Amino acid sequence: MAKKPSTAQAAAPPAASEPAYPGQRFGLPERGSGSVASMPRRVLALFIDWLLCTLIAYWLTHSQFWTIAVFAVEVYVLTATTGFTVGKRLTGIRTIRTNGDLVGFRWALVRTAILLTVIPALLADRDLRGMHDRASDTIVIQA
């Protein structure tokens, strides 16, 4: 027969090893500037970037076929150099390394390559980091 936990055990706070909010283990604030960006903001930024890249691809080639290439270049170059894509800038979020540095070209390449496979980006951990963020040691924060 299983023993029921006492009231004191049931009311005990979570273990110190489990963060209370996304980004806590990286020293980020719970809310406001520098806190982990919400998933709805990230998805909105992605849709803005995709729409913009579709328009650019169509304008350049009169075909939507090149959207993925334009998207890859936009995400790679802008993430590496500024941490912002156009969509992220408009939604007030940015990508940084977990130590606070810019992403840089090498890690932006890793992050973009995995992001383009779509599914790993949707598999987020407690800090709302997709596989592309974990592989490149990045995190998306509110600007």
N, C-alpha and C. Protein backbone atom coordinates (compact mmCIF):
# COMPACT_ATOMS: atom_id res chain seq x y z
N MET A 1 0.84 -1.18 0.00
CA MET A 1 0.00 0.00 0.00
C MET A 1 0.88 1.24 0.00
N ALA A 2 0.62 2.16 -0.91
CA ALA A 2 1.43 3.37 -1.03
C ALA A 2 1.11 4.33 0.10
N LYS A 3 2.14 4.95 0.60
CA LYS A 3 1.99 5.90 1.68
C LYS A 3 1.63 7.26 1.11
N LYS A 4 0.58 7.91 1.65
CA LYS A 4 0.16 9.22 1.18
C LYS A 4 1.12 10.28 1.75
N PRO A 5 1.46 11.29 0.94
CA PRO A 5 2.34 12.34 1.45
C PRO A 5 1.64 13.16 2.52
N SER A 6 2.38 13.61 3.51
CA SER A 6 1.82 14.45 4.56
C SER A 6 1.50 15.83 3.99
N THR A 7 0.74 16.61 4.74
CA THR A 7 0.38 17.95 4.29
C THR A 7 1.63 18.81 4.10
N ALA A 8 2.62 18.65 4.97
CA ALA A 8 3.86 19.42 4.87
C ALA A 8 4.61 19.06 3.60
N GLN A 9 4.61 17.77 3.23
CA GLN A 9 5.29 17.34 2.02
C GLN A 9 4.57 17.86 0.79
N ALA A 10 3.25 17.84 0.80
CA ALA A 10 2.47 18.29 -0.36
C ALA A 10 2.62 19.79 -0.57
N ALA A 11 2.81 20.56 0.51
CA ALA A 11 2.92 22.01 0.41
C ALA A 11 4.36 22.48 0.25
N ALA A 12 5.29 21.55 0.22
CA ALA A 12 6.70 21.92 0.12
C ALA A 12 6.97 22.62 -1.21
N PRO A 13 7.84 23.64 -1.19
CA PRO A 13 8.17 24.32 -2.45
C PRO A 13 8.94 23.40 -3.38
N PRO A 14 8.96 23.72 -4.68
CA PRO A 14 9.69 22.88 -5.62
C PRO A 14 11.18 22.83 -5.26
N ALA A 15 11.81 21.76 -5.67
CA ALA A 15 13.24 21.59 -5.40
C ALA A 15 14.02 22.76 -6.00
N ALA A 16 15.13 23.10 -5.37
CA ALA A 16 15.95 24.23 -5.81
C ALA A 16 16.47 24.03 -7.24
N SER A 17 16.57 22.78 -7.68
CA SER A 17 17.11 22.52 -9.01
C SER A 17 16.11 22.84 -10.12
N GLU A 18 14.84 22.93 -9.79
CA GLU A 18 13.82 23.25 -10.80
C GLU A 18 13.55 24.75 -10.79
N PRO A 19 13.73 25.42 -11.94
CA PRO A 19 13.50 26.86 -11.97
C PRO A 19 12.02 27.20 -11.81
N ALA A 20 11.75 28.33 -11.20
CA ALA A 20 10.37 28.77 -10.97
C ALA A 20 9.73 29.36 -12.22
N TYR A 21 10.55 29.85 -13.15
CA TYR A 21 10.03 30.46 -14.38
C TYR A 21 11.04 30.26 -15.50
N PRO A 22 10.60 30.36 -16.77
CA PRO A 22 11.53 30.19 -17.90
C PRO A 22 12.65 31.24 -17.86
N GLY A 23 13.87 30.78 -18.04
CA GLY A 23 15.02 31.67 -18.08
C GLY A 23 15.71 31.90 -16.75
N GLN A 24 15.12 31.45 -15.66
CA GLN A 24 15.71 31.69 -14.34
C GLN A 24 17.11 31.08 -14.24
N ARG A 25 17.29 29.90 -14.78
CA ARG A 25 18.61 29.26 -14.66
C ARG A 25 19.68 29.96 -15.48
N PHE A 26 19.28 30.88 -16.36
CA PHE A 26 20.23 31.68 -17.13
C PHE A 26 20.41 33.07 -16.53
N GLY A 27 19.76 33.31 -15.40
CA GLY A 27 19.86 34.61 -14.74
C GLY A 27 19.00 35.69 -15.36
N LEU A 28 17.99 35.29 -16.13
CA LEU A 28 17.11 36.26 -16.78
C LEU A 28 15.97 36.65 -15.83
N PRO A 29 15.44 37.86 -15.98
CA PRO A 29 14.31 38.26 -15.14
C PRO A 29 13.04 37.49 -15.50
N GLU A 30 12.10 37.49 -14.58
CA GLU A 30 10.85 36.77 -14.82
C GLU A 30 9.96 37.50 -15.82
N ARG A 31 9.97 38.83 -15.77
CA ARG A 31 9.12 39.64 -16.65
C ARG A 31 9.91 40.83 -17.19
N GLY A 32 9.37 41.41 -18.25
CA GLY A 32 9.94 42.64 -18.79
C GLY A 32 11.12 42.41 -19.71
N SER A 33 11.86 43.48 -19.96
CA SER A 33 13.01 43.44 -20.86
C SER A 33 14.04 42.44 -20.36
N GLY A 34 14.49 41.58 -21.27
CA GLY A 34 15.48 40.57 -20.93
C GLY A 34 14.90 39.25 -20.47
N SER A 35 13.58 39.19 -20.29
CA SER A 35 12.95 37.92 -19.90
C SER A 35 12.71 37.07 -21.14
N VAL A 36 12.44 35.79 -20.95
CA VAL A 36 12.21 34.88 -22.06
C VAL A 36 10.95 35.29 -22.82
N ALA A 37 11.06 35.34 -24.13
CA ALA A 37 9.93 35.72 -24.99
C ALA A 37 8.89 34.61 -25.01
N SER A 38 7.64 35.00 -25.04
CA SER A 38 6.55 34.03 -25.07
C SER A 38 6.46 33.35 -26.43
N MET A 39 5.87 32.18 -26.43
CA MET A 39 5.70 31.44 -27.68
C MET A 39 4.81 32.18 -28.67
N PRO A 40 3.69 32.81 -28.25
CA PRO A 40 2.89 33.55 -29.23
C PRO A 40 3.67 34.67 -29.93
N ARG A 41 4.52 35.37 -29.21
CA ARG A 41 5.35 36.41 -29.84
C ARG A 41 6.32 35.81 -30.84
N ARG A 42 6.91 34.69 -30.48
CA ARG A 42 7.86 34.03 -31.37
C ARG A 42 7.18 33.57 -32.65
N VAL A 43 5.98 32.99 -32.52
CA VAL A 43 5.23 32.51 -33.68
C VAL A 43 4.81 33.69 -34.56
N LEU A 44 4.37 34.79 -33.94
CA LEU A 44 3.99 35.98 -34.71
C LEU A 44 5.21 36.51 -35.49
N ALA A 45 6.37 36.56 -34.85
CA ALA A 45 7.59 37.01 -35.53
C ALA A 45 7.91 36.10 -36.72
N LEU A 46 7.75 34.81 -36.53
CA LEU A 46 7.99 33.85 -37.61
C LEU A 46 7.06 34.09 -38.79
N PHE A 47 5.77 34.31 -38.50
CA PHE A 47 4.81 34.57 -39.57
C PHE A 47 5.13 35.87 -40.31
N ILE A 48 5.53 36.90 -39.58
CA ILE A 48 5.91 38.17 -40.23
C ILE A 48 7.11 37.94 -41.14
N ASP A 49 8.13 37.24 -40.63
CA ASP A 49 9.32 36.97 -41.45
C ASP A 49 8.97 36.16 -42.68
N TRP A 50 8.12 35.15 -42.51
CA TRP A 50 7.75 34.30 -43.65
C TRP A 50 6.99 35.10 -44.70
N LEU A 51 6.05 35.92 -44.26
CA LEU A 51 5.28 36.75 -45.20
C LEU A 51 6.20 37.72 -45.94
N LEU A 52 7.09 38.37 -45.22
CA LEU A 52 8.04 39.29 -45.85
C LEU A 52 8.91 38.56 -46.87
N CYS A 53 9.41 37.39 -46.51
CA CYS A 53 10.27 36.63 -47.43
C CYS A 53 9.50 36.14 -48.65
N THR A 54 8.23 35.82 -48.47
CA THR A 54 7.39 35.43 -49.60
C THR A 54 7.24 36.61 -50.57
N LEU A 55 7.01 37.79 -50.02
CA LEU A 55 6.87 38.98 -50.87
C LEU A 55 8.18 39.29 -51.59
N ILE A 56 9.29 39.19 -50.90
CA ILE A 56 10.60 39.45 -51.52
C ILE A 56 10.88 38.43 -52.62
N ALA A 57 10.65 37.15 -52.32
CA ALA A 57 10.89 36.11 -53.32
C ALA A 57 10.03 36.32 -54.55
N TYR A 58 8.77 36.67 -54.34
CA TYR A 58 7.88 36.89 -55.47
C TYR A 58 8.31 38.12 -56.27
N TRP A 59 8.72 39.17 -55.58
CA TRP A 59 9.16 40.39 -56.24
C TRP A 59 10.43 40.15 -57.06
N LEU A 60 11.36 39.35 -56.52
CA LEU A 60 12.61 39.09 -57.23
C LEU A 60 12.48 38.08 -58.37
N THR A 61 11.66 37.06 -58.16
CA THR A 61 11.64 35.94 -59.12
C THR A 61 10.27 35.67 -59.74
N HIS A 62 9.25 36.39 -59.31
CA HIS A 62 7.87 36.14 -59.73
C HIS A 62 7.44 34.71 -59.44
N SER A 63 8.00 34.16 -58.36
CA SER A 63 7.66 32.81 -57.92
C SER A 63 7.82 32.74 -56.41
N GLN A 64 6.94 32.01 -55.76
CA GLN A 64 7.06 31.81 -54.31
C GLN A 64 8.01 30.66 -53.99
N PHE A 65 8.50 29.98 -55.00
CA PHE A 65 9.38 28.84 -54.82
C PHE A 65 10.63 29.20 -54.01
N TRP A 66 11.12 30.42 -54.17
CA TRP A 66 12.37 30.85 -53.52
C TRP A 66 12.18 31.39 -52.11
N THR A 67 10.97 31.33 -51.58
CA THR A 67 10.70 31.86 -50.23
C THR A 67 11.61 31.23 -49.19
N ILE A 68 11.79 29.93 -49.21
CA ILE A 68 12.61 29.26 -48.20
C ILE A 68 14.06 29.73 -48.26
N ALA A 69 14.57 29.98 -49.45
CA ALA A 69 15.95 30.46 -49.58
C ALA A 69 16.08 31.88 -49.03
N VAL A 70 15.12 32.74 -49.38
CA VAL A 70 15.15 34.12 -48.87
C VAL A 70 15.00 34.11 -47.35
N PHE A 71 14.11 33.26 -46.83
CA PHE A 71 13.91 33.14 -45.39
C PHE A 71 15.20 32.69 -44.70
N ALA A 72 15.85 31.69 -45.26
CA ALA A 72 17.10 31.18 -44.67
C ALA A 72 18.17 32.26 -44.61
N VAL A 73 18.31 33.02 -45.68
CA VAL A 73 19.31 34.08 -45.71
C VAL A 73 18.96 35.18 -44.70
N GLU A 74 17.69 35.58 -44.68
CA GLU A 74 17.26 36.63 -43.74
C GLU A 74 17.53 36.22 -42.30
N VAL A 75 17.08 35.04 -41.93
CA VAL A 75 17.24 34.57 -40.55
C VAL A 75 18.71 34.42 -40.20
N TYR A 76 19.47 33.82 -41.09
CA TYR A 76 20.89 33.58 -40.82
C TYR A 76 21.67 34.89 -40.63
N VAL A 77 21.59 35.77 -41.61
CA VAL A 77 22.40 37.00 -41.58
C VAL A 77 21.96 37.92 -40.44
N LEU A 78 20.67 38.16 -40.31
CA LEU A 78 20.21 39.09 -39.28
C LEU A 78 20.38 38.54 -37.87
N THR A 79 20.17 37.25 -37.68
CA THR A 79 20.38 36.66 -36.35
C THR A 79 21.86 36.71 -35.98
N ALA A 80 22.74 36.42 -36.93
CA ALA A 80 24.18 36.43 -36.66
C ALA A 80 24.69 37.82 -36.33
N THR A 81 24.19 38.82 -37.01
CA THR A 81 24.76 40.16 -36.86
C THR A 81 24.06 41.03 -35.82
N THR A 82 22.75 40.84 -35.63
CA THR A 82 22.01 41.72 -34.71
C THR A 82 21.20 40.98 -33.65
N GLY A 83 20.85 39.73 -33.91
CA GLY A 83 19.96 39.00 -33.01
C GLY A 83 18.50 39.22 -33.35
N PHE A 84 18.23 40.15 -34.25
CA PHE A 84 16.87 40.46 -34.67
C PHE A 84 16.64 40.02 -36.10
N THR A 85 15.46 39.49 -36.39
CA THR A 85 14.98 39.43 -37.76
C THR A 85 13.97 40.57 -37.86
N VAL A 86 13.42 40.81 -39.02
CA VAL A 86 12.42 41.87 -39.15
C VAL A 86 11.23 41.57 -38.25
N GLY A 87 10.76 40.33 -38.28
CA GLY A 87 9.62 39.94 -37.44
C GLY A 87 9.92 40.07 -35.96
N LYS A 88 11.11 39.68 -35.55
CA LYS A 88 11.48 39.81 -34.14
C LYS A 88 11.57 41.27 -33.72
N ARG A 89 12.10 42.11 -34.60
CA ARG A 89 12.18 43.54 -34.29
C ARG A 89 10.77 44.11 -34.09
N LEU A 90 9.84 43.76 -34.97
CA LEU A 90 8.48 44.28 -34.89
C LEU A 90 7.72 43.76 -33.66
N THR A 91 8.06 42.57 -33.20
CA THR A 91 7.38 42.00 -32.02
C THR A 91 8.14 42.26 -30.72
N GLY A 92 9.29 42.90 -30.81
CA GLY A 92 10.02 43.28 -29.60
C GLY A 92 10.78 42.15 -28.93
N ILE A 93 11.30 41.21 -29.74
CA ILE A 93 12.08 40.11 -29.18
C ILE A 93 13.40 39.99 -29.93
N ARG A 94 14.36 39.27 -29.35
CA ARG A 94 15.65 39.07 -30.02
C ARG A 94 16.30 37.78 -29.54
N THR A 95 17.22 37.29 -30.34
CA THR A 95 17.95 36.06 -30.01
C THR A 95 19.34 36.44 -29.53
N ILE A 96 19.74 35.84 -28.41
CA ILE A 96 21.08 36.05 -27.88
C ILE A 96 21.66 34.70 -27.47
N ARG A 97 22.97 34.65 -27.27
CA ARG A 97 23.59 33.47 -26.67
C ARG A 97 23.22 33.48 -25.19
N THR A 98 23.24 32.34 -24.56
CA THR A 98 22.84 32.28 -23.15
C THR A 98 23.80 33.07 -22.25
N ASN A 99 24.99 33.40 -22.74
CA ASN A 99 25.90 34.23 -21.95
C ASN A 99 25.71 35.72 -22.24
N GLY A 100 24.74 36.08 -23.09
CA GLY A 100 24.42 37.47 -23.38
C GLY A 100 25.05 38.01 -24.64
N ASP A 101 25.95 37.27 -25.27
CA ASP A 101 26.63 37.74 -26.48
C ASP A 101 25.73 37.64 -27.70
N LEU A 102 26.18 38.28 -28.80
CA LEU A 102 25.51 38.10 -30.09
C LEU A 102 25.69 36.65 -30.52
N VAL A 103 24.80 36.18 -31.37
CA VAL A 103 24.83 34.78 -31.80
C VAL A 103 26.07 34.48 -32.63
N GLY A 104 26.42 35.34 -33.59
CA GLY A 104 27.58 35.11 -34.43
C GLY A 104 27.25 34.19 -35.60
N PHE A 105 28.14 34.19 -36.60
CA PHE A 105 27.86 33.47 -37.84
C PHE A 105 27.86 31.95 -37.69
N ARG A 106 28.76 31.40 -36.92
CA ARG A 106 28.82 29.94 -36.79
C ARG A 106 27.57 29.40 -36.10
N TRP A 107 27.20 30.00 -34.96
CA TRP A 107 26.04 29.49 -34.24
C TRP A 107 24.74 29.85 -34.94
N ALA A 108 24.70 30.96 -35.65
CA ALA A 108 23.50 31.30 -36.42
C ALA A 108 23.28 30.29 -37.54
N LEU A 109 24.37 29.78 -38.11
CA LEU A 109 24.25 28.76 -39.16
C LEU A 109 23.66 27.48 -38.58
N VAL A 110 24.15 27.05 -37.42
CA VAL A 110 23.61 25.86 -36.76
C VAL A 110 22.13 26.07 -36.45
N ARG A 111 21.81 27.22 -35.85
CA ARG A 111 20.44 27.52 -35.43
C ARG A 111 19.50 27.57 -36.64
N THR A 112 19.91 28.23 -37.71
CA THR A 112 19.08 28.36 -38.90
C THR A 112 18.86 27.02 -39.58
N ALA A 113 19.91 26.22 -39.70
CA ALA A 113 19.78 24.91 -40.35
C ALA A 113 18.77 24.04 -39.62
N ILE A 114 18.81 24.05 -38.31
CA ILE A 114 17.85 23.23 -37.54
C ILE A 114 16.46 23.85 -37.59
N LEU A 115 16.38 25.17 -37.54
CA LEU A 115 15.08 25.86 -37.63
C LEU A 115 14.36 25.52 -38.92
N LEU A 116 15.10 25.40 -40.02
CA LEU A 116 14.49 25.11 -41.31
C LEU A 116 13.85 23.73 -41.38
N THR A 117 14.20 22.84 -40.47
CA THR A 117 13.56 21.52 -40.44
C THR A 117 12.21 21.57 -39.73
N VAL A 118 11.84 22.67 -39.15
CA VAL A 118 10.56 23.01 -38.52
C VAL A 118 10.26 22.26 -37.23
N ILE A 119 10.13 20.96 -37.25
CA ILE A 119 9.68 20.20 -36.09
C ILE A 119 10.57 20.41 -34.86
N PRO A 120 11.90 20.33 -34.96
CA PRO A 120 12.71 20.55 -33.75
C PRO A 120 12.49 21.91 -33.10
N ALA A 121 12.14 22.90 -33.87
CA ALA A 121 11.88 24.22 -33.30
C ALA A 121 10.63 24.22 -32.42
N LEU A 122 9.72 23.31 -32.67
CA LEU A 122 8.49 23.22 -31.90
C LEU A 122 8.65 22.43 -30.60
N LEU A 123 9.74 21.71 -30.47
CA LEU A 123 9.98 20.90 -29.27
C LEU A 123 10.73 21.73 -28.25
N ALA A 124 9.98 22.49 -27.45
CA ALA A 124 10.57 23.44 -26.51
C ALA A 124 10.74 22.82 -25.13
N ASP A 125 11.78 23.28 -24.43
CA ASP A 125 12.02 22.84 -23.05
C ASP A 125 11.37 23.82 -22.07
N ARG A 126 11.69 23.70 -20.77
CA ARG A 126 11.09 24.56 -19.75
C ARG A 126 11.43 26.03 -19.93
N ASP A 127 12.54 26.31 -20.60
CA ASP A 127 12.95 27.68 -20.85
C ASP A 127 12.45 28.20 -22.20
N LEU A 128 11.52 27.48 -22.81
CA LEU A 128 10.93 27.79 -24.11
C LEU A 128 11.99 27.83 -25.21
N ARG A 129 13.01 27.00 -25.08
CA ARG A 129 14.08 26.90 -26.08
C ARG A 129 13.82 25.67 -26.93
N GLY A 130 13.68 25.88 -28.24
CA GLY A 130 13.54 24.76 -29.16
C GLY A 130 14.88 24.06 -29.34
N MET A 131 14.86 22.96 -30.06
CA MET A 131 16.11 22.23 -30.29
C MET A 131 17.15 23.09 -31.01
N HIS A 132 16.69 23.99 -31.88
CA HIS A 132 17.62 24.88 -32.57
C HIS A 132 18.30 25.84 -31.59
N ASP A 133 17.58 26.26 -30.56
CA ASP A 133 18.17 27.11 -29.52
C ASP A 133 19.15 26.33 -28.64
N ARG A 134 18.78 25.12 -28.28
CA ARG A 134 19.67 24.32 -27.43
C ARG A 134 20.94 23.95 -28.17
N ALA A 135 20.84 23.62 -29.44
CA ALA A 135 22.02 23.24 -30.21
C ALA A 135 22.99 24.40 -30.40
N SER A 136 22.46 25.62 -30.46
CA SER A 136 23.30 26.79 -30.68
C SER A 136 23.52 27.60 -29.40
N ASP A 137 23.05 27.09 -28.27
CA ASP A 137 23.19 27.73 -26.96
C ASP A 137 22.65 29.16 -27.00
N THR A 138 21.43 29.30 -27.56
CA THR A 138 20.79 30.60 -27.65
C THR A 138 19.46 30.59 -26.90
N ILE A 139 18.93 31.78 -26.70
CA ILE A 139 17.64 31.94 -26.07
C ILE A 139 16.99 33.19 -26.65
N VAL A 140 15.67 33.18 -26.82
CA VAL A 140 14.94 34.33 -27.36
C VAL A 140 14.35 35.10 -26.19
N ILE A 141 14.69 36.38 -26.14
CA ILE A 141 14.27 37.23 -25.02
C ILE A 141 13.47 38.42 -25.52
N GLN A 142 12.78 39.08 -24.59
CA GLN A 142 12.11 40.34 -24.90
C GLN A 142 13.18 41.43 -24.98
N ALA A 143 13.11 42.23 -26.01
CA ALA A 143 14.11 43.31 -26.21
C ALA A 143 13.88 44.46 -25.25
